[in-house]
Amino acid sequence: MAFVISIEKDEREIRSAHPTELVCKYMVAERDGRRILQLNSYGSNDRDMPDKLSQTLQFGEEAAEQLYRILAAEFGFKDQ
């Protein structure tokens, strides 16, 4: 579990896609005067406790904007 303050590109190559598929849920809240996006991943169906919270990443406005710009650039998303 961590609060992301910055996102940087890693120039190494991805060797393969992870074989495990799972659900990711998001939450949005305001805490300490700032808006936070939280991404939660949950255990896969193969785990002993499949629906148990596994990983959590929190993004403030600056890191969320970085993520938005990365997604737009890497996947070709356009503003509507």
Protein backbone atom coordinates (compact mmCIF):
# COMPACT_ATOMS: atom_id res chain seq x y z
CA MET A 1 0.00 0.00 0.00
CA ALA A 2 1.46 3.31 -1.04
CA PHE A 3 0.73 6.91 -1.96
CA VAL A 4 2.13 7.62 -5.43
CA ILE A 5 3.86 11.00 -5.69
CA SER A 6 5.29 10.67 -9.19
CA ILE A 7 5.23 8.32 -12.17
CA GLU A 8 8.37 7.76 -14.23
CA LYS A 9 8.85 5.70 -17.37
CA ASP A 10 10.93 2.55 -17.01
CA GLU A 11 12.79 1.92 -20.28
CA ARG A 12 13.15 -1.82 -19.72
CA GLU A 13 10.93 -4.13 -21.76
CA ILE A 14 8.00 -6.11 -20.43
CA ARG A 15 8.92 -9.75 -20.94
CA SER A 16 5.38 -11.12 -20.84
CA ALA A 17 1.88 -10.34 -19.67
CA HIS A 18 1.05 -11.66 -16.20
CA PRO A 19 -1.06 -14.81 -16.43
CA THR A 20 -3.19 -14.02 -13.36
CA GLU A 21 -6.33 -12.00 -13.97
CA LEU A 22 -8.10 -10.16 -11.19
CA VAL A 23 -10.52 -7.35 -10.43
CA CYS A 24 -9.36 -3.82 -9.73
CA LYS A 25 -11.75 -1.42 -8.02
CA TYR A 26 -11.34 2.29 -7.45
CA MET A 27 -12.43 4.68 -4.76
CA VAL A 28 -12.34 8.47 -4.60
CA ALA A 29 -12.37 10.50 -1.40
CA GLU A 30 -11.23 13.78 0.04
CA ARG A 31 -8.77 13.50 2.91
CA ASP A 32 -6.78 16.23 4.62
CA GLY A 33 -8.02 18.76 2.07
CA ARG A 34 -6.95 16.81 -1.00
CA ARG A 35 -8.78 14.52 -3.39
CA ILE A 36 -7.41 10.97 -3.56
CA LEU A 37 -7.94 8.23 -6.14
CA GLN A 38 -7.33 4.76 -4.70
CA LEU A 39 -6.91 1.65 -6.86
CA ASN A 40 -7.47 -1.66 -5.09
CA SER A 41 -6.60 -5.07 -6.51
CA TYR A 42 -8.14 -8.20 -5.11
CA GLY A 43 -6.97 -11.80 -4.98
CA SER A 44 -7.45 -13.97 -8.03
CA ASN A 45 -9.93 -16.85 -8.03
CA ASP A 46 -7.01 -19.26 -7.41
CA ARG A 47 -6.08 -17.79 -4.01
CA ASP A 48 -7.20 -19.17 -0.67
CA MET A 49 -9.13 -15.93 -0.08
CA PRO A 50 -10.05 -14.79 -3.61
CA ASP A 51 -11.83 -11.55 -2.67
CA LYS A 52 -9.23 -10.37 -0.14
CA LEU A 53 -7.73 -6.93 -0.76
CA SER A 54 -4.25 -7.47 -2.16
CA GLN A 55 -2.64 -4.20 -3.28
CA THR A 56 -3.58 -0.54 -2.88
CA LEU A 57 -2.19 2.50 -4.67
CA GLN A 58 -3.30 6.05 -3.88
CA PHE A 59 -2.89 9.01 -6.24
CA GLY A 60 -3.14 12.69 -5.42
CA GLU A 61 -4.07 15.21 -8.11
CA GLU A 62 -0.55 15.60 -9.55
CA ALA A 63 0.15 11.87 -9.90
CA ALA A 64 -3.39 11.25 -11.20
CA GLU A 65 -2.81 13.88 -13.89
CA GLN A 66 0.47 12.20 -14.81
CA LEU A 67 -1.34 8.86 -15.10
CA TYR A 68 -4.05 10.48 -17.25
CA ARG A 69 -1.47 11.93 -19.64
CA ILE A 70 0.44 8.63 -19.81
CA LEU A 71 -2.73 6.68 -20.64
CA ALA A 72 -3.70 9.22 -23.30
CA ALA A 73 -0.26 9.15 -24.91
CA GLU A 74 0.38 5.40 -24.73
CA PHE A 75 -3.09 4.23 -25.78
CA GLY A 76 -4.04 7.11 -28.08
CA PHE A 77 -7.03 8.20 -25.97
CA LYS A 78 -8.56 11.50 -27.06
CA ASP A 79 -10.55 13.99 -24.98
CA GLN A 80 -14.17 14.12 -25.99
